[in-house]
């Protein structure tokens, strides 16, 4: 009885087992494929964000280095630099809790 069923449906059983193996157990299975596609789409979105950030930084760099006054202002604000004959006062606000 089993041999008759095997002979009758052997191509279907082999095809079904191969398909099951490919969808579930293989290293490139269907679930991993879906996860990789979603990761690729997320990375493409991040790529667009970082491209716009690069453009913004380049524009800020051009503005900063185009004028010595802007460069001096940046250095004074960011790195608390001062001239030799100046006093520097730093005023900070307490966080309200």
C-alpha atoms as a PDB file:
ATOM      1  CA  UNK A   1       0.000   0.000   0.000  1.00  0.00           C
ATOM      2  CA  UNK A   2       2.782   2.448   0.959  1.00  0.00           C
ATOM      3  CA  UNK A   3       4.800   1.524  -2.110  1.00  0.00           C
ATOM      4  CA  UNK A   4       1.820   2.175  -4.379  1.00  0.00           C
ATOM      5  CA  UNK A   5       1.281   5.602  -2.813  1.00  0.00           C
ATOM      6  CA  UNK A   6       5.006   6.368  -3.067  1.00  0.00           C
ATOM      7  CA  UNK A   7       5.092   5.436  -6.742  1.00  0.00           C
ATOM      8  CA  UNK A   8       1.934   7.401  -7.443  1.00  0.00           C
ATOM      9  CA  UNK A   9       2.872  10.602  -5.565  1.00  0.00           C
ATOM     10  CA  UNK A  10       6.676  10.493  -5.422  1.00  0.00           C
ATOM     11  CA  UNK A  11       7.196  13.628  -7.541  1.00  0.00           C
ATOM     12  CA  UNK A  12       4.691  15.573  -5.465  1.00  0.00           C
ATOM     13  CA  UNK A  13       6.231  14.422  -2.189  1.00  0.00           C
ATOM     14  CA  UNK A  14       9.756  15.208  -3.319  1.00  0.00           C
ATOM     15  CA  UNK A  15       8.656  18.632  -4.594  1.00  0.00           C
ATOM     16  CA  UNK A  16       6.820  19.377  -1.352  1.00  0.00           C
ATOM     17  CA  UNK A  17       9.766  18.326   0.777  1.00  0.00           C
ATOM     18  CA  UNK A  18      12.176  20.403  -1.334  1.00  0.00           C
ATOM     19  CA  UNK A  19       9.895  23.447  -1.122  1.00  0.00           C
ATOM     20  CA  UNK A  20       9.553  23.030   2.634  1.00  0.00           C
ATOM     21  CA  UNK A  21      13.309  22.762   2.975  1.00  0.00           C
ATOM     22  CA  UNK A  22      13.847  25.915   0.901  1.00  0.00           C
ATOM     23  CA  UNK A  23      11.216  27.965   2.751  1.00  0.00           C
ATOM     24  CA  UNK A  24      12.064  26.973   6.308  1.00  0.00           C
ATOM     25  CA  UNK A  25      15.366  25.172   6.827  1.00  0.00           C
ATOM     26  CA  UNK A  26      17.714  26.541   4.179  1.00  0.00           C
ATOM     27  CA  UNK A  27      20.285  29.224   5.033  1.00  0.00           C
ATOM     28  CA  UNK A  28      18.547  31.585   2.573  1.00  0.00           C
ATOM     29  CA  UNK A  29      15.039  30.834   3.754  1.00  0.00           C
ATOM     30  CA  UNK A  30      11.944  32.903   3.166  1.00  0.00           C
ATOM     31  CA  UNK A  31      11.856  34.427   6.653  1.00  0.00           C
ATOM     32  CA  UNK A  32      15.446  35.666   6.417  1.00  0.00           C
ATOM     33  CA  UNK A  33      14.716  37.075   2.969  1.00  0.00           C
ATOM     34  CA  UNK A  34      11.835  39.169   4.333  1.00  0.00           C
ATOM     35  CA  UNK A  35      13.981  40.429   7.232  1.00  0.00           C
ATOM     36  CA  UNK A  36      16.820  41.368   4.886  1.00  0.00           C
ATOM     37  CA  UNK A  37      14.469  43.273   2.588  1.00  0.00           C
ATOM     38  CA  UNK A  38      13.091  45.285   5.491  1.00  0.00           C
ATOM     39  CA  UNK A  39      16.629  46.009   6.668  1.00  0.00           C
ATOM     40  CA  UNK A  40      17.571  47.212   3.173  1.00  0.00           C
ATOM     41  CA  UNK A  41      14.588  49.570   3.083  1.00  0.00           C
ATOM     42  CA  UNK A  42      15.519  50.951   6.527  1.00  0.00           C
ATOM     43  CA  UNK A  43      19.093  51.512   5.391  1.00  0.00           C
ATOM     44  CA  UNK A  44      17.899  53.326   2.275  1.00  0.00           C
ATOM     45  CA  UNK A  45      15.841  55.676   4.443  1.00  0.00           C
ATOM     46  CA  UNK A  46      18.847  56.323   6.688  1.00  0.00           C
ATOM     47  CA  UNK A  47      20.979  56.902   3.609  1.00  0.00           C
ATOM     48  CA  UNK A  48      18.668  59.706   2.495  1.00  0.00           C
ATOM     49  CA  UNK A  49      18.765  61.273   5.948  1.00  0.00           C
ATOM     50  CA  UNK A  50      22.547  61.182   6.116  1.00  0.00           C
ATOM     51  CA  UNK A  51      22.894  62.609   2.612  1.00  0.00           C
ATOM     52  CA  UNK A  52      20.814  65.620   3.653  1.00  0.00           C
ATOM     53  CA  UNK A  53      22.878  65.952   6.834  1.00  0.00           C
ATOM     54  CA  UNK A  54      26.093  65.924   4.778  1.00  0.00           C
ATOM     55  CA  UNK A  55      24.719  68.740   2.629  1.00  0.00           C
ATOM     56  CA  UNK A  56      23.812  70.738   5.754  1.00  0.00           C
ATOM     57  CA  UNK A  57      27.265  70.257   7.280  1.00  0.00           C
ATOM     58  CA  UNK A  58      28.997  71.254   4.045  1.00  0.00           C
ATOM     59  CA  UNK A  59      26.906  74.431   3.860  1.00  0.00           C
ATOM     60  CA  UNK A  60      27.734  75.251   7.482  1.00  0.00           C
ATOM     61  CA  UNK A  61      31.421  74.599   6.766  1.00  0.00           C
ATOM     62  CA  UNK A  62      31.381  76.953   3.774  1.00  0.00           C
ATOM     63  CA  UNK A  63      29.702  79.633   5.868  1.00  0.00           C
ATOM     64  CA  UNK A  64      32.144  79.125   8.730  1.00  0.00           C
ATOM     65  CA  UNK A  65      35.353  79.236   6.706  1.00  0.00           C
ATOM     66  CA  UNK A  66      34.240  81.932   4.283  1.00  0.00           C
ATOM     67  CA  UNK A  67      34.655  84.687   6.858  1.00  0.00           C
ATOM     68  CA  UNK A  68      37.252  85.052   9.629  1.00  0.00           C
ATOM     69  CA  UNK A  69      34.693  86.737  11.869  1.00  0.00           C
ATOM     70  CA  UNK A  70      32.439  83.666  11.693  1.00  0.00           C
ATOM     71  CA  UNK A  71      35.398  81.403  12.459  1.00  0.00           C
ATOM     72  CA  UNK A  72      36.366  83.520  15.456  1.00  0.00           C
ATOM     73  CA  UNK A  73      32.775  83.516  16.719  1.00  0.00           C
ATOM     74  CA  UNK A  74      32.605  79.727  16.401  1.00  0.00           C
ATOM     75  CA  UNK A  75      35.885  79.225  18.268  1.00  0.00           C
ATOM     76  CA  UNK A  76      34.844  81.575  21.050  1.00  0.00           C
ATOM     77  CA  UNK A  77      31.423  79.965  21.518  1.00  0.00           C
ATOM     78  CA  UNK A  78      32.377  76.327  21.086  1.00  0.00           C
ATOM     79  CA  UNK A  79      35.832  76.115  22.631  1.00  0.00           C
ATOM     80  CA  UNK A  80      35.608  79.102  25.003  1.00  0.00           C
ATOM     81  CA  UNK A  81      38.626  80.789  23.444  1.00  0.00           C
ATOM     82  CA  UNK A  82      39.536  84.344  24.326  1.00  0.00           C
ATOM     83  CA  UNK A  83      42.075  86.993  23.495  1.00  0.00           C
ATOM     84  CA  UNK A  84      44.965  87.705  25.845  1.00  0.00           C
ATOM     85  CA  UNK A  85      43.527  90.943  27.211  1.00  0.00           C
ATOM     86  CA  UNK A  86      39.975  89.666  27.762  1.00  0.00           C
ATOM     87  CA  UNK A  87      38.146  88.119  30.689  1.00  0.00           C
ATOM     88  CA  UNK A  88      35.662  85.359  29.990  1.00  0.00           C
ATOM     89  CA  UNK A  89      32.461  84.947  31.986  1.00  0.00           C
ATOM     90  CA  UNK A  90      30.381  81.834  31.504  1.00  0.00           C
ATOM     91  CA  UNK A  91      26.741  82.111  32.519  1.00  0.00           C
ATOM     92  CA  UNK A  92      24.755  78.917  32.805  1.00  0.00           C
ATOM     93  CA  UNK A  93      21.168  78.276  33.780  1.00  0.00           C
ATOM     94  CA  UNK A  94      20.160  75.654  36.319  1.00  0.00           C
ATOM     95  CA  UNK A  95      17.763  73.000  35.106  1.00  0.00           C
ATOM     96  CA  UNK A  96      14.408  73.370  36.790  1.00  0.00           C
ATOM     97  CA  UNK A  97      13.270  70.143  38.389  1.00  0.00           C
END
